[in-house]
Protein backbone atom coordinates (compact mmCIF):
# COMPACT_ATOMS: atom_id res chain seq x y z
CA MET A 1 -15.32 35.76 16.89
CA PHE A 2 -14.01 33.22 19.41
CA ASP A 3 -15.66 33.51 22.83
CA ILE A 4 -13.41 31.99 25.51
CA GLN A 5 -16.14 32.06 28.13
CA GLN A 6 -18.58 30.20 25.95
CA PHE A 7 -15.88 27.66 25.09
CA LYS A 8 -15.23 27.05 28.80
CA LEU A 9 -18.94 26.56 29.33
CA ILE A 10 -19.18 24.14 26.40
CA ASN A 11 -16.13 22.25 27.66
CA LYS A 12 -17.59 22.03 31.17
CA TYR A 13 -20.99 20.67 30.09
CA ALA A 14 -19.47 18.42 27.41
CA LEU A 15 -17.12 16.72 29.86
CA ARG A 16 -19.94 16.36 32.39
CA ASP A 17 -22.23 14.85 29.77
CA PHE A 18 -19.45 12.62 28.47
CA SER A 19 -18.80 11.19 31.95
CA ARG A 20 -22.49 10.32 32.21
CA SER A 21 -23.01 9.03 28.67
CA TYR A 22 -19.73 7.29 27.89
CA LYS A 23 -21.46 3.90 27.72
CA LYS A 24 -23.87 5.22 25.07
CA LEU A 25 -20.96 6.78 23.15
CA TRP A 26 -18.92 3.57 23.25
CA VAL A 27 -20.37 2.37 19.95
CA ILE A 28 -19.27 5.60 18.24
CA THR A 29 -15.81 5.33 19.82
CA SER A 30 -15.23 1.73 18.75
CA THR A 31 -16.62 2.30 15.23
CA LEU A 32 -14.48 5.37 14.70
CA PHE A 33 -11.40 3.66 16.11
CA VAL A 34 -11.65 0.64 13.79
CA SER A 35 -12.12 2.79 10.69
CA LEU A 36 -9.25 5.14 11.63
CA LEU A 37 -7.01 2.17 12.41
CA LEU A 38 -7.63 0.66 8.98
CA LEU A 39 -6.94 4.04 7.36
CA SER A 40 -3.74 4.41 9.38
CA LEU A 41 -2.61 0.88 8.47
CA THR A 42 -3.13 1.65 4.80
CA PHE A 43 -1.16 4.88 4.73
CA SER A 44 1.61 3.62 7.05
CA VAL A 45 2.31 0.48 5.01
CA LYS A 46 2.17 2.39 1.73
CA GLU A 47 4.58 5.05 3.02
CA ALA A 48 6.95 2.40 4.38
CA LEU A 49 6.92 0.55 1.05
CA ASN A 50 7.66 3.69 -0.94
CA THR A 51 10.44 4.68 1.47
CA GLU A 52 12.01 1.22 1.32
CA ILE A 53 11.92 1.12 -2.47
CA ALA A 54 13.38 4.63 -2.76
CA SER A 55 16.21 3.90 -0.31
CA ASN A 56 17.10 0.58 -1.96
CA ALA A 57 16.58 1.58 -5.59
CA LYS A 58 20.11 0.54 -6.65
CA GLU A 59 19.75 -2.91 -5.12
CA LEU A 60 16.36 -3.37 -6.74
CA LEU A 61 17.91 -2.52 -10.11
CA GLY A 62 21.18 -4.32 -9.43
CA GLY A 63 23.42 -1.44 -10.45
CA ASP A 64 23.73 2.29 -11.04
CA ILE A 65 22.32 1.78 -14.52
CA GLN A 66 20.98 -1.16 -16.53
CA ILE A 67 21.34 -1.61 -20.29
CA ASP A 68 18.94 -3.94 -22.12
CA SER A 69 20.01 -5.12 -25.58
CA ASP A 70 17.32 -7.82 -25.84
CA ILE A 71 18.22 -10.64 -28.27
CA GLU A 72 21.66 -9.53 -29.42
CA PRO A 73 24.57 -9.15 -26.96
CA LEU A 74 26.54 -5.92 -26.93
CA PRO A 75 29.80 -5.85 -28.93
CA PRO A 76 33.00 -6.44 -26.90
CA LYS A 77 34.15 -2.92 -27.80
CA VAL A 78 31.08 -1.42 -26.10
CA ILE A 79 31.56 -3.56 -23.01
CA ASP A 80 35.20 -2.43 -22.81
CA GLN A 81 33.96 1.17 -22.77
CA PHE A 82 31.58 0.26 -19.94
CA ASN A 83 34.45 -1.32 -18.00
CA ALA A 84 36.24 2.03 -18.13
CA LEU A 85 33.32 3.57 -16.26
CA GLY A 86 33.07 0.96 -13.53
CA LYS A 87 32.34 -2.66 -12.73
CA VAL A 88 30.12 -4.45 -15.26
CA SER A 89 27.91 -7.48 -14.67
CA ALA A 90 26.31 -9.28 -17.62
CA ALA A 91 23.26 -11.51 -17.41
CA ILE A 92 21.11 -13.43 -19.87
CA GLU A 93 17.50 -14.19 -19.07
CA PHE A 94 15.22 -16.51 -20.98
CA ALA A 95 12.31 -18.87 -20.44
CA THR A 96 12.85 -22.62 -20.73
CA MET A 97 11.65 -25.96 -19.39
CA LEU A 98 13.18 -27.43 -16.26
CA SER A 99 12.41 -31.07 -15.58
CA LYS A 100 13.11 -34.02 -13.35
CA GLU A 101 12.80 -37.66 -14.28
CA GLY A 102 9.34 -38.91 -13.40
CA GLU A 103 7.88 -35.43 -12.95
CA SER A 104 6.10 -33.04 -15.30
CA PRO A 105 8.44 -30.31 -16.62
CA VAL A 106 8.13 -26.79 -15.26
CA PHE A 107 8.23 -23.60 -17.35
CA THR A 108 10.97 -21.55 -15.71
CA GLU A 109 12.56 -18.13 -16.01
CA LEU A 110 16.29 -18.92 -16.14
CA ARG A 111 19.03 -16.36 -15.49
CA ALA A 112 22.67 -16.88 -16.41
CA VAL A 113 25.00 -14.54 -14.49
CA ASP A 114 28.73 -13.82 -14.54
CA ASN A 115 31.24 -13.77 -11.69
CA ASN A 116 30.64 -10.07 -10.97
CA TYR A 117 27.02 -10.70 -10.07
CA PRO A 118 25.57 -9.14 -7.97
CA LEU A 119 26.96 -5.62 -8.00
CA TYR A 120 24.74 -4.58 -5.07
CA GLY A 121 23.46 -6.75 -2.27
CA GLU A 122 23.79 -10.52 -2.00
CA ILE A 123 22.10 -13.67 -3.23
CA GLU A 124 20.37 -15.26 -0.26
CA THR A 125 20.22 -19.03 -0.44
CA ILE A 126 19.17 -22.05 1.59
CA PRO A 127 21.57 -23.44 2.79
CA GLU A 128 23.52 -20.21 3.22
CA GLU A 129 26.41 -19.21 0.95
CA MET A 130 25.53 -21.77 -1.73
CA ALA A 131 25.57 -19.13 -4.48
CA ASN A 132 29.35 -19.54 -4.96
CA ILE A 133 28.89 -23.19 -5.93
CA ILE A 134 27.26 -22.29 -9.24
CA PHE A 135 30.45 -20.41 -10.21
CA SER A 136 32.82 -23.26 -9.25
CA SER A 137 34.48 -25.42 -11.91
CA SER A 138 32.78 -28.79 -12.12
CA LEU A 139 32.06 -31.53 -14.62
CA LYS A 140 28.43 -31.25 -13.67
CA PRO A 141 27.07 -27.67 -13.60
CA HIS A 142 24.95 -26.42 -10.70
CA VAL A 143 21.72 -24.48 -10.53
CA LEU A 144 19.91 -22.50 -7.86
CA ILE A 145 16.13 -22.89 -7.88
CA ASN A 146 13.39 -21.12 -5.98
CA GLU A 147 10.90 -22.70 -3.61
CA SER A 148 8.17 -22.88 -6.24
CA ILE A 149 10.28 -25.22 -8.43
CA GLN A 150 11.23 -27.28 -5.40
CA ASN A 151 7.57 -27.88 -4.58
CA LEU A 152 6.50 -28.57 -8.17
CA LEU A 153 9.32 -31.04 -8.96
CA ASN A 154 9.89 -32.35 -5.45
CA VAL A 155 13.63 -31.71 -5.65
CA GLY A 156 16.23 -30.49 -3.19
CA PRO A 157 19.96 -29.82 -2.91
CA GLY A 158 21.97 -32.62 -4.48
CA ASP A 159 19.21 -33.76 -6.85
CA ASP A 160 19.56 -33.62 -10.62
CA VAL A 161 17.34 -31.62 -12.95
CA THR A 162 17.44 -31.26 -16.73
CA ILE A 163 17.70 -27.92 -18.53
CA MET A 164 17.56 -28.06 -22.33
CA GLY A 165 18.93 -31.62 -22.39
CA GLN A 166 21.77 -30.90 -19.94
CA LYS A 167 21.94 -32.34 -16.43
CA PHE A 168 22.33 -29.80 -13.60
CA GLU A 169 22.78 -30.49 -9.92
CA VAL A 170 20.63 -28.44 -7.55
CA ALA A 171 23.02 -26.45 -5.35
CA GLY A 172 20.31 -24.98 -3.14
CA LEU A 173 17.29 -22.72 -2.98
CA VAL A 174 17.49 -19.04 -3.88
CA SER A 175 15.28 -17.14 -1.46
CA SER A 176 16.13 -13.60 -2.55
CA VAL A 177 18.10 -11.75 -5.21
CA PRO A 178 19.01 -8.06 -4.96
CA ASP A 179 17.82 -7.12 -8.45
CA LEU A 180 14.27 -8.39 -8.33
CA ALA A 181 13.35 -10.65 -11.19
CA GLU A 182 9.61 -10.77 -11.72
CA SER A 183 9.59 -14.56 -11.75
CA ALA A 184 11.72 -14.61 -8.61
CA VAL A 185 8.70 -13.29 -6.79
CA PHE A 186 5.71 -14.32 -8.86
CA GLY A 187 6.70 -17.61 -10.52
CA GLU A 188 9.41 -20.19 -11.16
CA PHE A 189 12.97 -18.83 -11.20
CA ALA A 190 16.45 -20.38 -11.42
CA ILE A 191 20.06 -19.13 -11.66
CA ILE A 192 23.08 -20.68 -13.39
CA SER A 193 26.55 -19.33 -14.14
CA MET A 194 27.43 -17.72 -17.44
CA ASP A 195 30.18 -20.34 -17.89
CA SER A 196 27.58 -23.11 -17.70
CA TYR A 197 25.41 -21.27 -20.17
CA GLU A 198 28.22 -20.99 -22.70
CA GLN A 199 29.92 -24.34 -22.05
CA PHE A 200 26.86 -26.55 -22.28
CA GLY A 201 25.25 -24.98 -25.32
CA LEU A 202 22.17 -23.44 -23.76
CA SER A 203 22.21 -20.58 -26.25
CA SER A 204 19.41 -22.17 -28.28
CA GLY A 205 17.00 -19.88 -26.48
CA GLY A 206 17.11 -17.91 -29.71
CA SER A 207 14.71 -15.01 -29.94
CA PHE A 208 13.67 -15.48 -26.31
CA LEU A 209 17.03 -14.31 -24.98
CA ASP A 210 17.22 -11.07 -23.04
CA HIS A 211 20.72 -9.65 -22.52
CA LYS A 212 21.12 -7.28 -19.59
CA TYR A 213 24.20 -5.35 -18.48
CA ARG A 214 24.47 -3.57 -15.16
CA ILE A 215 27.18 -1.07 -14.27
CA LYS A 216 28.41 0.00 -10.85
CA PHE A 217 30.16 3.28 -11.53
CA ASN A 218 33.57 3.94 -9.97
CA ASN A 219 32.07 7.01 -8.28
CA SER A 220 28.47 5.89 -7.74
CA SER A 221 27.54 9.03 -5.80
CA GLN A 222 27.75 11.05 -9.02
CA THR A 223 25.84 9.15 -11.69
CA GLN A 224 24.72 12.00 -13.93
CA GLU A 225 27.89 12.29 -16.04
CA PRO A 226 28.50 8.50 -16.40
CA GLU A 227 24.85 8.06 -17.34
CA THR A 228 25.30 10.58 -20.15
CA ILE A 229 28.43 8.74 -21.31
CA VAL A 230 26.56 5.40 -21.34
CA ASN A 231 23.78 6.88 -23.45
CA SER A 232 26.33 8.27 -25.89
CA ILE A 233 28.04 4.86 -26.18
CA ILE A 234 24.80 3.05 -27.08
CA ALA A 235 23.42 5.86 -29.26
CA TYR A 236 24.25 3.84 -32.36
CA ASP A 237 21.25 1.54 -31.74
CA ASP A 238 17.81 2.89 -30.82
CA THR A 239 16.63 -0.55 -29.71
CA ILE A 240 19.02 -0.58 -26.75
CA LYS A 241 17.28 0.71 -23.63
CA THR A 242 18.60 1.95 -20.30
CA ARG A 243 16.99 1.93 -16.90
CA LEU A 244 17.93 3.90 -13.81
CA PRO A 245 17.46 2.91 -10.16
CA GLY A 246 14.30 5.01 -9.83
CA GLN A 247 12.74 3.00 -12.67
CA SER A 248 13.54 -0.43 -11.26
CA GLY A 249 11.08 -3.05 -10.23
CA ARG A 250 8.32 -2.34 -12.76
CA ARG A 251 6.32 -5.37 -11.79
CA LEU A 252 6.91 -4.75 -8.10
CA SER A 253 5.89 -1.10 -8.40
CA SER A 254 2.77 -2.13 -10.30
CA VAL A 255 1.82 -4.63 -7.63
CA ILE A 256 2.44 -2.11 -4.85
CA ASP A 257 0.38 0.54 -6.66
CA ASN A 258 -2.52 -1.86 -7.17
CA PHE A 259 -2.24 -3.05 -3.59
CA SER A 260 -2.19 0.54 -2.30
CA ASN A 261 -5.20 1.51 -4.42
CA PHE A 262 -7.08 -1.51 -3.13
CA LEU A 263 -6.24 -0.61 0.47
CA ASN A 264 -7.26 2.99 -0.17
CA LEU A 265 -10.70 1.91 -1.40
CA VAL A 266 -11.04 -0.49 1.53
CA SER A 267 -10.17 2.29 3.96
CA VAL A 268 -12.64 4.65 2.28
CA SER A 269 -15.32 1.99 2.51
CA ALA A 270 -14.57 1.48 6.18
CA MET A 271 -14.69 5.21 6.86
CA VAL A 272 -17.98 5.91 5.10
CA ILE A 273 -19.64 2.77 6.48
CA ALA A 274 -18.42 3.79 9.92
CA GLY A 275 -19.86 7.24 9.19
CA ILE A 276 -23.30 5.73 8.59
CA GLY A 277 -22.99 3.90 11.89
CA ILE A 278 -21.95 7.12 13.62
CA SER A 279 -24.91 8.97 12.12
CA ASN A 280 -27.42 6.35 13.27
CA THR A 281 -25.81 6.02 16.69
CA LEU A 282 -25.83 9.78 17.19
CA LEU A 283 -29.49 9.97 16.18
CA SER A 284 -30.30 7.24 18.66
CA PHE A 285 -28.20 9.06 21.26
CA VAL A 286 -30.14 12.28 20.68
CA ASN A 287 -33.47 10.47 21.05
CA GLN A 288 -32.29 8.75 24.23
CA ASN A 289 -31.30 12.14 25.64
CA ASN A 290 -34.54 13.78 24.57
CA THR A 291 -35.48 14.73 28.11
CA SER A 292 -32.00 16.03 28.95
CA ILE A 293 -31.98 18.22 25.84
CA ALA A 294 -35.44 19.55 26.60
CA VAL A 295 -34.35 20.41 30.15
CA LYS A 296 -31.32 22.32 28.84
CA LYS A 297 -33.55 24.29 26.49
CA SER A 298 -36.01 25.05 29.31
CA ILE A 299 -33.25 26.75 31.35
CA GLY A 300 -32.18 28.90 28.41
CA PHE A 301 -29.61 26.92 26.39
CA PRO A 302 -30.18 27.44 22.65
CA SER A 303 -30.07 24.57 20.16
CA SER A 304 -26.79 25.84 18.73
CA PHE A 305 -25.12 25.54 22.13
CA ILE A 306 -26.31 21.95 22.64
CA GLN A 307 -25.31 20.99 19.08
CA THR A 308 -21.84 22.49 19.61
CA MET A 309 -21.53 20.64 22.91
CA TYR A 310 -22.23 17.29 21.26
CA PHE A 311 -19.94 18.15 18.35
CA TYR A 312 -17.25 18.90 20.91
CA GLU A 313 -17.74 15.47 22.48
CA ILE A 314 -17.40 13.78 19.09
CA ILE A 315 -14.24 15.77 18.34
CA LEU A 316 -12.72 14.65 21.66
CA ILE A 317 -13.50 11.05 20.73
CA LEU A 318 -11.98 11.63 17.29
CA LEU A 319 -8.77 13.07 18.73
CA SER A 320 -8.26 10.27 21.25
CA THR A 321 -9.09 7.43 18.86
CA SER A 322 -7.03 8.91 16.02
CA ILE A 323 -3.92 9.15 18.20
CA VAL A 324 -4.20 5.52 19.34
CA ALA A 325 -5.09 4.31 15.82
CA TYR A 326 -2.17 6.16 14.24
CA LEU A 327 0.34 4.89 16.80
CA LEU A 328 -0.79 1.33 16.15
CA GLY A 329 -0.67 1.97 12.41
CA VAL A 330 2.88 3.31 12.62
CA PHE A 331 4.12 -0.12 13.71
CA SER A 332 2.06 -2.03 11.14
CA PRO A 333 5.02 -2.29 8.69
CA LEU A 334 6.62 -4.73 11.15
CA LEU A 335 3.62 -7.01 10.69
CA ALA A 336 3.69 -6.45 6.93
CA ASN A 337 7.26 -7.79 6.88
CA GLU A 338 5.89 -11.16 7.99
CA LEU A 339 3.28 -11.19 5.23
CA LEU A 340 5.38 -10.00 2.28
CA PRO A 341 7.28 -12.62 0.23
CA LYS A 342 10.80 -13.10 1.58
CA SER A 343 12.11 -13.05 -1.98
CA LEU A 344 11.32 -9.35 -2.18
CA GLY A 345 14.15 -8.68 0.25
CA ILE A 346 12.17 -5.77 1.69
CA ASP A 347 12.49 -4.79 5.34
CA LEU A 348 9.87 -2.18 6.19
CA GLN A 349 10.54 0.16 9.08
CA PRO A 350 8.04 2.16 11.19
CA THR A 351 8.05 5.88 10.43
CA PHE A 352 6.35 8.49 12.59
CA SER A 353 5.19 11.62 10.79
CA LEU A 354 3.18 14.52 12.14
CA VAL A 355 1.93 15.19 8.62
CA GLY A 356 0.84 11.56 8.37
CA TYR A 357 -1.15 11.84 11.59
CA LEU A 358 -2.76 15.12 10.54
CA ASN A 359 -3.72 13.44 7.27
CA ILE A 360 -5.58 10.69 9.14
CA LEU A 361 -7.13 13.22 11.51
CA PHE A 362 -8.38 15.48 8.71
CA ILE A 363 -10.03 12.62 6.81
CA GLY A 364 -11.64 11.43 10.02
CA LEU A 365 -12.85 14.94 10.81
CA LEU A 366 -14.49 15.29 7.39
CA VAL A 367 -16.28 11.96 7.74
CA VAL A 368 -17.44 12.80 11.28
CA LEU A 369 -18.79 16.18 10.18
CA ILE A 370 -20.58 14.75 7.13
CA PHE A 371 -22.41 12.08 9.10
CA SER A 372 -22.90 14.02 12.35
CA ILE A 373 -24.59 17.11 10.91
CA PRO A 374 -27.94 15.47 9.95
CA SER A 375 -28.16 13.78 13.36
CA LEU A 376 -27.12 16.65 15.62
CA TYR A 377 -29.11 19.28 13.74
CA SER A 378 -32.23 17.30 14.60
CA ILE A 379 -31.77 18.72 18.13
CA SER A 380 -33.56 21.87 16.94
CA GLU A 381 -36.73 19.79 16.58
CA ILE A 382 -36.81 19.03 20.32
CA LYS A 383 -38.81 21.64 22.22
CA ALA A 384 -38.76 22.55 25.89
CA ALA A 385 -42.56 22.30 25.89
CA SER A 386 -42.25 18.54 25.44
CA LEU A 387 -41.41 18.32 29.15
CA PHE A 388 -45.10 18.90 29.91
CA ARG A 389 -46.11 15.86 27.86
CA ASN A 390 -46.07 12.26 28.95
CA SER A 391 -44.19 11.05 25.86
CA PHE A 392 -41.59 12.29 23.42
CA ASN A 393 -41.76 12.00 19.66
CA PRO A 394 -38.48 10.66 18.21
CA VAL A 395 -36.64 13.02 15.88
CA SER A 396 -35.24 12.03 12.49
CA LEU A 397 -32.26 13.11 10.39
CA ASN A 398 -32.38 16.79 9.54
CA PHE A 399 -31.84 17.56 5.84
CA SER A 400 -32.63 21.23 5.53
CA VAL A 401 -31.49 23.18 2.48
CA LYS A 402 -28.66 24.67 4.52
CA ASN A 403 -27.53 21.24 5.71
CA ILE A 404 -27.69 19.76 2.21
CA LEU A 405 -25.48 22.54 0.85
CA LEU A 406 -23.04 22.14 3.71
CA LEU A 407 -22.94 18.36 3.27
CA GLY A 408 -22.38 18.77 -0.47
CA VAL A 409 -19.36 21.01 0.13
CA LEU A 410 -17.89 18.59 2.69
CA VAL A 411 -18.41 15.59 0.39
CA ILE A 412 -16.62 17.41 -2.44
CA ILE A 413 -13.74 18.32 -0.12
CA LEU A 414 -13.45 14.72 1.13
CA THR A 415 -13.58 13.29 -2.39
CA THR A 416 -11.04 15.75 -3.78
CA TYR A 417 -8.69 15.35 -0.85
CA PHE A 418 -8.77 11.56 -0.93
CA VAL A 419 -8.57 11.28 -4.72
CA ASN A 420 -5.38 13.37 -4.73
CA GLN A 421 -3.71 10.71 -2.58
CA THR A 422 -4.48 7.78 -4.89
CA ASP A 423 -2.96 6.70 -8.19
CA GLN A 424 -6.20 5.48 -9.74
CA LYS A 425 -7.95 8.82 -9.44
CA LEU A 426 -10.74 8.16 -11.93
CA TYR A 427 -11.73 4.87 -10.29
CA THR A 428 -11.76 6.52 -6.88
CA VAL A 429 -14.02 9.32 -8.13
CA PHE A 430 -16.40 6.74 -9.63
CA TYR A 431 -16.38 4.91 -6.33
CA PHE A 432 -17.35 7.99 -4.32
CA VAL A 433 -20.06 8.94 -6.81
CA ALA A 434 -21.45 5.39 -6.83
CA PHE A 435 -21.34 5.08 -3.06
CA PHE A 436 -23.06 8.35 -2.22
CA THR A 437 -25.59 7.85 -5.03
CA THR A 438 -26.41 4.38 -3.70
CA MET A 439 -26.71 5.77 -0.21
CA LEU A 440 -29.17 8.43 -1.37
CA ILE A 441 -31.22 5.80 -3.22
CA PHE A 442 -31.46 3.59 -0.15
CA TYR A 443 -32.38 6.58 2.00
CA GLY A 444 -35.09 7.62 -0.46
CA VAL A 445 -36.52 4.08 -0.62
CA SER A 446 -36.59 3.85 3.16
CA LYS A 447 -38.48 7.14 3.41
CA LEU A 448 -41.03 5.90 0.86
CA LEU A 449 -41.52 2.65 2.77
CA ILE A 450 -41.98 4.53 6.04
CA ALA A 451 -44.45 6.93 4.43
CA GLN A 452 -46.70 4.09 3.24
């Protein structure tokens, strides 16, 4: 049962001790702050990425629905039925060689688009508004290339490049497209008009062609019924696939998932390593305050009271550092915007969430408890009678049966809680098992070396 008087007494002595020992507790504060900051950065950036992708799903897909017919184009009759539902944009994607005289050719993902492209968003180019040039009538067709091709072939606007034996003039650089092409972000990527594709006989891509059709429904706020109609129109061919906005950006989603899982493991590593530092620092702190603890026991304070007092100090440090770390982490998406490729077209925004802060705080609390218990429970080994001696014997980590059971429960809670927040759950479980097993091995070896 909660005793308000005892709490006031603990608060009084804890604050008094904290004001005297803040220099000794500085190591714990800084260690805990860095680990919580890294954890906050991880969760804040991941949440901002997921929010941005969810809110811009139609732009990432390029339409309300995408139809992939692979090698063969859809029949005109089918496209006419699509036009009755809304605005249709057709595109053909294939891999080919792009070359410049005197330079080694570059393997490029080429996209031919029609005049309706893009249905959502805009093509961002350098110089600006150069995308319209590729659709203009000209004896010499134009092409937009990305920065990777520019660097590999040493070309720029106005230069000529060769695509499948046909000369194209570089209109400019494409820095971002609304419907993310994998090669637009992760390789060489170029865009031409559909007229150029048909007029200059580039259809020899053969089996490497990939026909895509995107539809912007007349009433895009209600996509369920048009989606059903689209599926009924293409039901004649099982090889034709559809994709909805929530399924867009497969490669991007995969990269983000892998990146998030990596950051999660890094944050876990930081937290548990910080926990080891906290444990050792607390043990050193207890030994440095050996006399003070013995004095408190001599005037009637039990070990449980002193342990609770030090736990209270650590919790105060945890609360203050977690608030600062989370607030800094909230604004980390602004920094991530500078590091992410511009071609992604992603603009992350800071998002404050009480649930997000409590998530950071709870993980930090579990780590603090796990690594504080063996150190602070060693206080029971300090006796008031030691005041009558000229020297004090240093205490060591306390691993009683009770403590081991308690630590086991906390470790299981931490592992389960953290694993539920990751996508690669099995790998994360293996990581925790390997880490704590390794830690026990090192602890056992150190005890054997000390015993010799």
